[in-house]
Amino acid sequence: MVVKDTELPHLRRCVELAAEALEAGDEPFGSVLVGGDGTVLGEDHNRVASGDRTRHPEFELARWSAAHLTPAERAAATVYTSGEHCPMCAAAHAWVGLGRIVYVSSSEQLGSWLAELGVPAPPVRPLPVHEVAPAVVVDGPVPDLVDRVRELHVRFHRGRG
């Protein structure tokens, strides 16, 4: 499946949420959970600056969906996100039975940007979602928005030095 024009507003909102995270002093990631009927069920941005490195928006939305949605509702939902899920978030997504993932930028793209900026490798190896959760349908990257996400990461990492 390809990303439809009707999905772009959700992806733009993810980029806005990533910018909000950056403005709050956090790493720029944002995600939106959309039900099978198109209703926005939740949204969040990174909150790892608190010291809890598990406070990724994709993980938070997976936990919320497990507590508030039926298995059928979770399976019909889509998680839109500014960056491809990390292995932790991909596992949470699969374990709670969420549906499709649509991301703006891939883990591979992020890795190359961070390498260009001289950022040390993360403690967990980045893997594509399909290697962690092979049954999850994944679409991305979305070229029209990738440069904006890259810009947010550059601003975050240059500002840390």
N, C-alpha and C. Protein backbone atom coordinates (compact mmCIF):
# COMPACT_ATOMS: atom_id res chain seq x y z
N MET A 1 0.85 -1.18 0.00
CA MET A 1 0.00 0.00 0.00
C MET A 1 0.89 1.25 0.00
N VAL A 2 0.44 2.26 -0.66
CA VAL A 2 1.18 3.51 -0.71
C VAL A 2 0.47 4.56 0.15
N VAL A 3 1.20 5.58 0.49
CA VAL A 3 0.65 6.66 1.29
C VAL A 3 -0.26 7.51 0.40
N LYS A 4 -1.49 7.70 0.86
CA LYS A 4 -2.48 8.46 0.08
C LYS A 4 -2.41 9.93 0.47
N ASP A 5 -2.86 10.78 -0.43
CA ASP A 5 -2.91 12.22 -0.15
C ASP A 5 -3.75 12.52 1.09
N THR A 6 -4.79 11.73 1.32
CA THR A 6 -5.66 11.94 2.49
C THR A 6 -4.94 11.65 3.80
N GLU A 7 -3.81 10.95 3.73
CA GLU A 7 -3.04 10.64 4.93
C GLU A 7 -2.01 11.71 5.27
N LEU A 8 -1.72 12.57 4.31
CA LEU A 8 -0.68 13.59 4.52
C LEU A 8 -0.97 14.53 5.69
N PRO A 9 -2.22 14.92 5.95
CA PRO A 9 -2.45 15.76 7.13
C PRO A 9 -2.00 15.09 8.44
N HIS A 10 -2.19 13.79 8.56
CA HIS A 10 -1.73 13.09 9.77
C HIS A 10 -0.20 13.12 9.86
N LEU A 11 0.45 12.94 8.72
CA LEU A 11 1.92 12.96 8.71
C LEU A 11 2.45 14.36 8.99
N ARG A 12 1.77 15.37 8.46
CA ARG A 12 2.17 16.75 8.77
C ARG A 12 2.02 17.03 10.26
N ARG A 13 0.96 16.50 10.85
CA ARG A 13 0.77 16.67 12.30
C ARG A 13 1.90 16.00 13.07
N CYS A 14 2.36 14.86 12.60
CA CYS A 14 3.50 14.18 13.24
C CYS A 14 4.73 15.08 13.23
N VAL A 15 4.96 15.75 12.11
CA VAL A 15 6.10 16.65 12.00
C VAL A 15 5.91 17.84 12.95
N GLU A 16 4.67 18.35 13.06
CA GLU A 16 4.39 19.43 14.01
C GLU A 16 4.67 18.98 15.44
N LEU A 17 4.25 17.76 15.77
CA LEU A 17 4.50 17.22 17.11
C LEU A 17 6.00 17.05 17.36
N ALA A 18 6.73 16.64 16.34
CA ALA A 18 8.19 16.52 16.47
C ALA A 18 8.80 17.89 16.74
N ALA A 19 8.29 18.92 16.07
CA ALA A 19 8.77 20.29 16.32
C ALA A 19 8.42 20.73 17.73
N GLU A 20 7.25 20.34 18.23
CA GLU A 20 6.87 20.66 19.62
C GLU A 20 7.83 19.99 20.60
N ALA A 21 8.20 18.75 20.31
CA ALA A 21 9.17 18.06 21.17
C ALA A 21 10.49 18.82 21.18
N LEU A 22 10.94 19.24 20.02
CA LEU A 22 12.19 19.99 19.92
C LEU A 22 12.10 21.29 20.72
N GLU A 23 10.99 22.00 20.61
CA GLU A 23 10.80 23.24 21.36
C GLU A 23 10.81 23.00 22.87
N ALA A 24 10.41 21.80 23.28
CA ALA A 24 10.41 21.43 24.70
C ALA A 24 11.76 20.89 25.14
N GLY A 25 12.75 20.90 24.24
CA GLY A 25 14.09 20.42 24.58
C GLY A 25 14.28 18.93 24.42
N ASP A 26 13.39 18.31 23.66
CA ASP A 26 13.43 16.87 23.50
C ASP A 26 13.77 16.49 22.06
N GLU A 27 14.07 15.22 21.86
CA GLU A 27 14.36 14.72 20.52
C GLU A 27 13.10 14.83 19.66
N PRO A 28 13.25 15.24 18.40
CA PRO A 28 12.09 15.54 17.56
C PRO A 28 11.42 14.32 16.92
N PHE A 29 10.50 13.73 17.65
CA PHE A 29 9.67 12.65 17.14
C PHE A 29 8.24 12.91 17.55
N GLY A 30 7.31 12.65 16.64
CA GLY A 30 5.89 12.81 16.93
C GLY A 30 5.08 11.74 16.22
N SER A 31 3.96 11.34 16.86
CA SER A 31 3.13 10.28 16.31
C SER A 31 1.66 10.55 16.54
N VAL A 32 0.83 10.02 15.63
CA VAL A 32 -0.62 10.15 15.71
C VAL A 32 -1.23 8.77 15.50
N LEU A 33 -2.18 8.41 16.38
CA LEU A 33 -2.91 7.15 16.28
C LEU A 33 -4.28 7.46 15.68
N VAL A 34 -4.61 6.79 14.57
CA VAL A 34 -5.86 7.03 13.87
C VAL A 34 -6.65 5.73 13.79
N GLY A 35 -7.91 5.79 14.19
CA GLY A 35 -8.77 4.61 14.14
C GLY A 35 -9.13 4.22 12.73
N GLY A 36 -9.67 3.04 12.58
CA GLY A 36 -10.05 2.52 11.28
C GLY A 36 -11.08 3.39 10.57
N ASP A 37 -11.85 4.18 11.33
CA ASP A 37 -12.84 5.07 10.74
C ASP A 37 -12.29 6.45 10.42
N GLY A 38 -10.97 6.65 10.64
CA GLY A 38 -10.33 7.93 10.35
C GLY A 38 -10.29 8.90 11.51
N THR A 39 -10.83 8.52 12.65
CA THR A 39 -10.84 9.38 13.83
C THR A 39 -9.46 9.39 14.49
N VAL A 40 -8.98 10.58 14.80
CA VAL A 40 -7.71 10.68 15.55
C VAL A 40 -8.00 10.26 16.99
N LEU A 41 -7.33 9.21 17.43
CA LEU A 41 -7.55 8.66 18.77
C LEU A 41 -6.55 9.19 19.78
N GLY A 42 -5.40 9.60 19.32
CA GLY A 42 -4.36 10.10 20.23
C GLY A 42 -3.17 10.60 19.46
N GLU A 43 -2.38 11.39 20.13
CA GLU A 43 -1.13 11.89 19.56
C GLU A 43 -0.17 12.17 20.69
N ASP A 44 1.11 12.14 20.37
CA ASP A 44 2.12 12.38 21.38
C ASP A 44 3.43 12.73 20.69
N HIS A 45 4.37 13.22 21.50
CA HIS A 45 5.72 13.47 21.00
C HIS A 45 6.70 12.91 22.01
N ASN A 46 7.95 12.88 21.61
CA ASN A 46 9.00 12.32 22.47
C ASN A 46 9.05 13.05 23.82
N ARG A 47 9.32 12.29 24.86
CA ARG A 47 9.43 12.84 26.21
C ARG A 47 10.62 12.21 26.95
N VAL A 48 11.68 11.89 26.19
CA VAL A 48 12.82 11.21 26.78
C VAL A 48 13.75 12.15 27.54
N ALA A 49 13.59 13.44 27.37
CA ALA A 49 14.46 14.40 28.09
C ALA A 49 14.27 14.30 29.60
N SER A 50 13.17 13.69 30.03
CA SER A 50 12.91 13.49 31.46
C SER A 50 13.89 12.49 32.08
N GLY A 51 14.61 11.76 31.22
CA GLY A 51 15.54 10.74 31.71
C GLY A 51 15.04 9.33 31.45
N ASP A 52 13.74 9.18 31.18
CA ASP A 52 13.17 7.88 30.87
C ASP A 52 13.22 7.71 29.36
N ARG A 53 14.20 6.94 28.87
CA ARG A 53 14.43 6.79 27.43
C ARG A 53 13.37 5.93 26.74
N THR A 54 12.40 5.41 27.50
CA THR A 54 11.32 4.64 26.88
C THR A 54 10.12 5.51 26.53
N ARG A 55 10.18 6.80 26.79
CA ARG A 55 9.02 7.69 26.57
C ARG A 55 8.91 8.14 25.11
N HIS A 56 8.92 7.17 24.21
CA HIS A 56 8.73 7.43 22.79
C HIS A 56 7.23 7.53 22.52
N PRO A 57 6.81 8.38 21.59
CA PRO A 57 5.37 8.52 21.34
C PRO A 57 4.72 7.24 20.82
N GLU A 58 5.44 6.46 20.02
CA GLU A 58 4.87 5.23 19.49
C GLU A 58 4.60 4.22 20.60
N PHE A 59 5.50 4.18 21.57
CA PHE A 59 5.35 3.27 22.71
C PHE A 59 4.16 3.71 23.57
N GLU A 60 4.06 5.02 23.82
CA GLU A 60 2.96 5.56 24.62
C GLU A 60 1.61 5.27 23.94
N LEU A 61 1.55 5.44 22.63
CA LEU A 61 0.29 5.19 21.92
C LEU A 61 -0.05 3.70 21.91
N ALA A 62 0.95 2.84 21.84
CA ALA A 62 0.70 1.40 21.92
C ALA A 62 0.13 1.05 23.30
N ARG A 63 0.71 1.60 24.35
CA ARG A 63 0.20 1.33 25.70
C ARG A 63 -1.23 1.87 25.87
N TRP A 64 -1.48 3.07 25.35
CA TRP A 64 -2.81 3.64 25.45
C TRP A 64 -3.82 2.76 24.72
N SER A 65 -3.47 2.31 23.52
CA SER A 65 -4.39 1.51 22.73
C SER A 65 -4.70 0.18 23.42
N ALA A 66 -3.71 -0.41 24.08
CA ALA A 66 -3.94 -1.67 24.79
C ALA A 66 -4.95 -1.49 25.92
N ALA A 67 -4.95 -0.33 26.53
CA ALA A 67 -5.85 -0.06 27.66
C ALA A 67 -7.24 0.42 27.22
N HIS A 68 -7.36 0.96 26.01
CA HIS A 68 -8.61 1.63 25.64
C HIS A 68 -9.31 1.09 24.39
N LEU A 69 -8.65 0.25 23.63
CA LEU A 69 -9.25 -0.24 22.39
C LEU A 69 -9.39 -1.76 22.42
N THR A 70 -10.39 -2.26 21.71
CA THR A 70 -10.55 -3.70 21.57
C THR A 70 -9.48 -4.22 20.62
N PRO A 71 -9.23 -5.51 20.61
CA PRO A 71 -8.28 -6.05 19.64
C PRO A 71 -8.64 -5.70 18.19
N ALA A 72 -9.91 -5.73 17.85
CA ALA A 72 -10.32 -5.39 16.48
C ALA A 72 -10.06 -3.91 16.18
N GLU A 73 -10.33 -3.05 17.14
CA GLU A 73 -10.05 -1.61 16.94
C GLU A 73 -8.56 -1.36 16.77
N ARG A 74 -7.75 -2.05 17.56
CA ARG A 74 -6.29 -1.88 17.42
C ARG A 74 -5.82 -2.35 16.05
N ALA A 75 -6.32 -3.47 15.61
CA ALA A 75 -5.90 -4.02 14.31
C ALA A 75 -6.30 -3.10 13.15
N ALA A 76 -7.38 -2.36 13.30
CA ALA A 76 -7.85 -1.47 12.24
C ALA A 76 -7.17 -0.10 12.28
N ALA A 77 -6.45 0.18 13.34
CA ALA A 77 -5.83 1.50 13.53
C ALA A 77 -4.53 1.62 12.74
N THR A 78 -4.14 2.87 12.50
CA THR A 78 -2.86 3.18 11.85
C THR A 78 -2.10 4.13 12.75
N VAL A 79 -0.80 3.88 12.89
CA VAL A 79 0.07 4.81 13.60
C VAL A 79 0.88 5.56 12.55
N TYR A 80 0.70 6.87 12.52
CA TYR A 80 1.49 7.76 11.67
C TYR A 80 2.59 8.33 12.54
N THR A 81 3.78 8.45 11.99
CA THR A 81 4.89 8.91 12.82
C THR A 81 5.95 9.62 11.98
N SER A 82 6.65 10.52 12.64
CA SER A 82 7.67 11.30 11.93
C SER A 82 8.88 10.45 11.57
N GLY A 83 9.16 9.42 12.35
CA GLY A 83 10.29 8.54 12.10
C GLY A 83 9.90 7.09 12.31
N GLU A 84 10.48 6.23 11.51
CA GLU A 84 10.20 4.79 11.64
C GLU A 84 10.41 4.34 13.07
N HIS A 85 9.54 3.46 13.53
CA HIS A 85 9.63 2.94 14.89
C HIS A 85 11.01 2.33 15.17
N CYS A 86 11.51 2.57 16.37
CA CYS A 86 12.71 1.87 16.83
C CYS A 86 12.30 0.43 17.18
N PRO A 87 13.26 -0.45 17.45
CA PRO A 87 12.90 -1.83 17.79
C PRO A 87 11.96 -1.95 18.99
N MET A 88 12.17 -1.13 20.02
CA MET A 88 11.30 -1.18 21.21
C MET A 88 9.86 -0.84 20.82
N CYS A 89 9.69 0.22 20.04
CA CYS A 89 8.35 0.66 19.66
C CYS A 89 7.71 -0.30 18.66
N ALA A 90 8.51 -0.84 17.76
CA ALA A 90 7.97 -1.82 16.81
C ALA A 90 7.47 -3.05 17.55
N ALA A 91 8.21 -3.50 18.55
CA ALA A 91 7.78 -4.65 19.35
C ALA A 91 6.50 -4.34 20.10
N ALA A 92 6.42 -3.17 20.73
CA ALA A 92 5.20 -2.79 21.46
C ALA A 92 4.01 -2.74 20.51
N HIS A 93 4.21 -2.16 19.34
CA HIS A 93 3.17 -2.06 18.32
C HIS A 93 2.63 -3.46 17.98
N ALA A 94 3.54 -4.38 17.71
CA ALA A 94 3.15 -5.73 17.34
C ALA A 94 2.51 -6.48 18.51
N TRP A 95 3.08 -6.34 19.70
CA TRP A 95 2.55 -7.06 20.86
C TRP A 95 1.12 -6.66 21.20
N VAL A 96 0.76 -5.39 21.02
CA VAL A 96 -0.61 -4.98 21.33
C VAL A 96 -1.55 -5.16 20.13
N GLY A 97 -1.00 -5.52 18.98
CA GLY A 97 -1.83 -5.83 17.83
C GLY A 97 -2.33 -4.64 17.03
N LEU A 98 -1.53 -3.56 17.03
CA LEU A 98 -1.90 -2.41 16.21
C LEU A 98 -1.73 -2.74 14.74
N GLY A 99 -2.42 -1.98 13.89
CA GLY A 99 -2.37 -2.20 12.45
C GLY A 99 -1.17 -1.54 11.80
N ARG A 100 -1.42 -0.89 10.72
CA ARG A 100 -0.39 -0.33 9.84
C ARG A 100 0.42 0.79 10.51
N ILE A 101 1.66 0.93 10.05
CA ILE A 101 2.55 2.03 10.42
C ILE A 101 2.86 2.81 9.15
N VAL A 102 2.78 4.14 9.23
CA VAL A 102 3.20 5.00 8.13
C VAL A 102 4.17 6.01 8.72
N TYR A 103 5.39 6.06 8.18
CA TYR A 103 6.40 6.97 8.71
C TYR A 103 6.92 7.91 7.65
N VAL A 104 7.39 9.09 8.12
CA VAL A 104 7.96 10.08 7.21
C VAL A 104 9.39 9.70 6.84
N SER A 105 10.23 9.49 7.84
CA SER A 105 11.65 9.17 7.58
C SER A 105 11.98 7.80 8.15
N SER A 106 12.87 7.10 7.48
CA SER A 106 13.24 5.74 7.88
C SER A 106 14.36 5.75 8.93
N SER A 107 14.51 4.64 9.59
CA SER A 107 15.62 4.46 10.53
C SER A 107 16.95 4.59 9.82
N GLU A 108 17.00 4.09 8.60
CA GLU A 108 18.24 4.19 7.80
C GLU A 108 18.57 5.65 7.52
N GLN A 109 17.58 6.44 7.14
CA GLN A 109 17.81 7.86 6.90
C GLN A 109 18.30 8.55 8.17
N LEU A 110 17.62 8.29 9.27
CA LEU A 110 18.02 8.91 10.53
C LEU A 110 19.45 8.53 10.88
N GLY A 111 19.79 7.27 10.72
CA GLY A 111 21.15 6.83 11.01
C GLY A 111 22.19 7.57 10.18
N SER A 112 21.89 7.79 8.93
CA SER A 112 22.87 8.50 8.08
C SER A 112 22.97 9.97 8.50
N TRP A 113 21.85 10.59 8.87
CA TRP A 113 21.90 11.99 9.32
C TRP A 113 22.72 12.11 10.60
N LEU A 114 22.50 11.19 11.52
CA LEU A 114 23.22 11.25 12.80
C LEU A 114 24.71 11.00 12.59
N ALA A 115 25.04 10.10 11.69
CA ALA A 115 26.46 9.84 11.39
C ALA A 115 27.11 11.10 10.80
N GLU A 116 26.40 11.77 9.89
CA GLU A 116 26.91 13.02 9.31
C GLU A 116 27.18 14.07 10.39
N LEU A 117 26.34 14.07 11.43
CA LEU A 117 26.46 15.04 12.51
C LEU A 117 27.44 14.61 13.60
N GLY A 118 27.99 13.39 13.48
CA GLY A 118 28.94 12.89 14.47
C GLY A 118 28.29 12.46 15.77
N VAL A 119 27.02 12.11 15.72
CA VAL A 119 26.29 11.67 16.92
C VAL A 119 26.66 10.21 17.20
N PRO A 120 27.02 9.88 18.43
CA PRO A 120 27.35 8.49 18.75
C PRO A 120 26.17 7.55 18.48
N ALA A 121 26.48 6.32 18.17
CA ALA A 121 25.45 5.32 17.91
C ALA A 121 24.59 5.11 19.16
N PRO A 122 23.29 4.84 18.97
CA PRO A 122 22.42 4.58 20.12
C PRO A 122 22.77 3.24 20.77
N PRO A 123 22.28 3.02 22.00
CA PRO A 123 22.59 1.76 22.69
C PRO A 123 21.85 0.55 22.11
N VAL A 124 20.81 0.79 21.31
CA VAL A 124 20.06 -0.28 20.66
C VAL A 124 20.21 -0.11 19.15
N ARG A 125 20.56 -1.19 18.49
CA ARG A 125 20.77 -1.13 17.05
C ARG A 125 19.47 -0.81 16.33
N PRO A 126 19.46 0.21 15.47
CA PRO A 126 18.25 0.51 14.72
C PRO A 126 17.99 -0.58 13.68
N LEU A 127 16.76 -1.02 13.63
CA LEU A 127 16.35 -2.05 12.67
C LEU A 127 15.08 -1.59 11.99
N PRO A 128 14.89 -1.95 10.74
CA PRO A 128 13.60 -1.65 10.11
C PRO A 128 12.48 -2.40 10.84
N VAL A 129 11.30 -1.81 10.86
CA VAL A 129 10.17 -2.42 11.56
C VAL A 129 9.95 -3.85 11.11
N HIS A 130 10.03 -4.12 9.81
CA HIS A 130 9.73 -5.46 9.31
C HIS A 130 10.69 -6.53 9.85
N GLU A 131 11.86 -6.13 10.34
CA GLU A 131 12.76 -7.11 10.94
C GLU A 131 12.37 -7.44 12.38
N VAL A 132 11.67 -6.54 13.04
CA VAL A 132 11.23 -6.74 14.42
C VAL A 132 9.81 -7.30 14.45
N ALA A 133 8.96 -6.77 13.60
CA ALA A 133 7.54 -7.13 13.57
C ALA A 133 7.14 -7.43 12.13
N PRO A 134 7.49 -8.61 11.63
CA PRO A 134 7.32 -8.91 10.20
C PRO A 134 5.88 -8.90 9.70
N ALA A 135 4.90 -9.07 10.56
CA ALA A 135 3.51 -9.10 10.11
C ALA A 135 2.88 -7.71 10.00
N VAL A 136 3.56 -6.69 10.50
CA VAL A 136 3.00 -5.34 10.47
C VAL A 136 3.20 -4.72 9.08
N VAL A 137 2.14 -4.15 8.54
CA VAL A 137 2.23 -3.45 7.25
C VAL A 137 2.85 -2.09 7.52
N VAL A 138 3.89 -1.76 6.76
CA VAL A 138 4.65 -0.53 6.98
C VAL A 138 4.79 0.22 5.65
N ASP A 139 4.54 1.52 5.69
CA ASP A 139 4.73 2.35 4.51
C ASP A 139 5.55 3.57 4.87
N GLY A 140 6.45 3.94 4.00
CA GLY A 140 7.34 5.08 4.19
C GLY A 140 8.65 4.77 3.50
N PRO A 141 9.50 5.73 3.37
CA PRO A 141 9.37 7.12 3.79
C PRO A 141 8.47 7.94 2.86
N VAL A 142 8.21 9.18 3.29
CA VAL A 142 7.37 10.11 2.54
C VAL A 142 8.27 11.27 2.11
N PRO A 143 8.78 11.21 0.88
CA PRO A 143 9.79 12.18 0.42
C PRO A 143 9.41 13.64 0.60
N ASP A 144 8.13 13.97 0.44
CA ASP A 144 7.72 15.38 0.54
C ASP A 144 7.97 15.99 1.92
N LEU A 145 8.09 15.16 2.96
CA LEU A 145 8.24 15.67 4.32
C LEU A 145 9.59 15.33 4.95
N VAL A 146 10.38 14.51 4.29
CA VAL A 146 11.65 14.05 4.86
C VAL A 146 12.59 15.20 5.20
N ASP A 147 12.71 16.18 4.33
CA ASP A 147 13.64 17.28 4.59
C ASP A 147 13.29 18.05 5.86
N ARG A 148 12.01 18.19 6.13
CA ARG A 148 11.58 18.90 7.35
C ARG A 148 11.99 18.10 8.60
N VAL A 149 11.82 16.80 8.56
CA VAL A 149 12.22 15.96 9.70
C VAL A 149 13.74 16.01 9.87
N ARG A 150 14.46 15.94 8.78
CA ARG A 150 15.93 16.03 8.85
C ARG A 150 16.35 17.35 9.51
N GLU A 151 15.72 18.43 9.10
CA GLU A 151 16.03 19.74 9.66
C GLU A 151 15.83 19.77 11.18
N LEU A 152 14.77 19.14 11.66
CA LEU A 152 14.52 19.10 13.11
C LEU A 152 15.62 18.34 13.84
N HIS A 153 16.06 17.23 13.26
CA HIS A 153 17.13 16.45 13.89
C HIS A 153 18.46 17.21 13.87
N VAL A 154 18.72 17.88 12.79
CA VAL A 154 19.95 18.68 12.71
C VAL A 154 19.91 19.77 13.79
N ARG A 155 18.79 20.46 13.91
CA ARG A 155 18.67 21.51 14.93
C ARG A 155 18.85 20.95 16.33
N PHE A 156 18.26 19.78 16.60
CA PHE A 156 18.38 19.19 17.93
C PHE A 156 19.85 18.84 18.24
N HIS A 157 20.50 18.16 17.33
CA HIS A 157 21.85 17.68 17.62
C HIS A 157 22.91 18.77 17.55
N ARG A 158 22.72 19.74 16.71
CA ARG A 158 23.67 20.88 16.70
C ARG A 158 23.50 21.73 17.95
N GLY A 159 22.28 21.81 18.46
CA GLY A 159 22.01 22.58 19.66
C GLY A 159 22.55 21.94 20.92
N ARG A 160 22.86 20.65 20.87
CA ARG A 160 23.37 19.95 22.06
C ARG A 160 24.84 20.21 22.30
N GLY A 161 25.54 20.55 21.22
CA GLY A 161 26.98 20.71 21.34
C GLY A 161 27.31 22.02 21.95
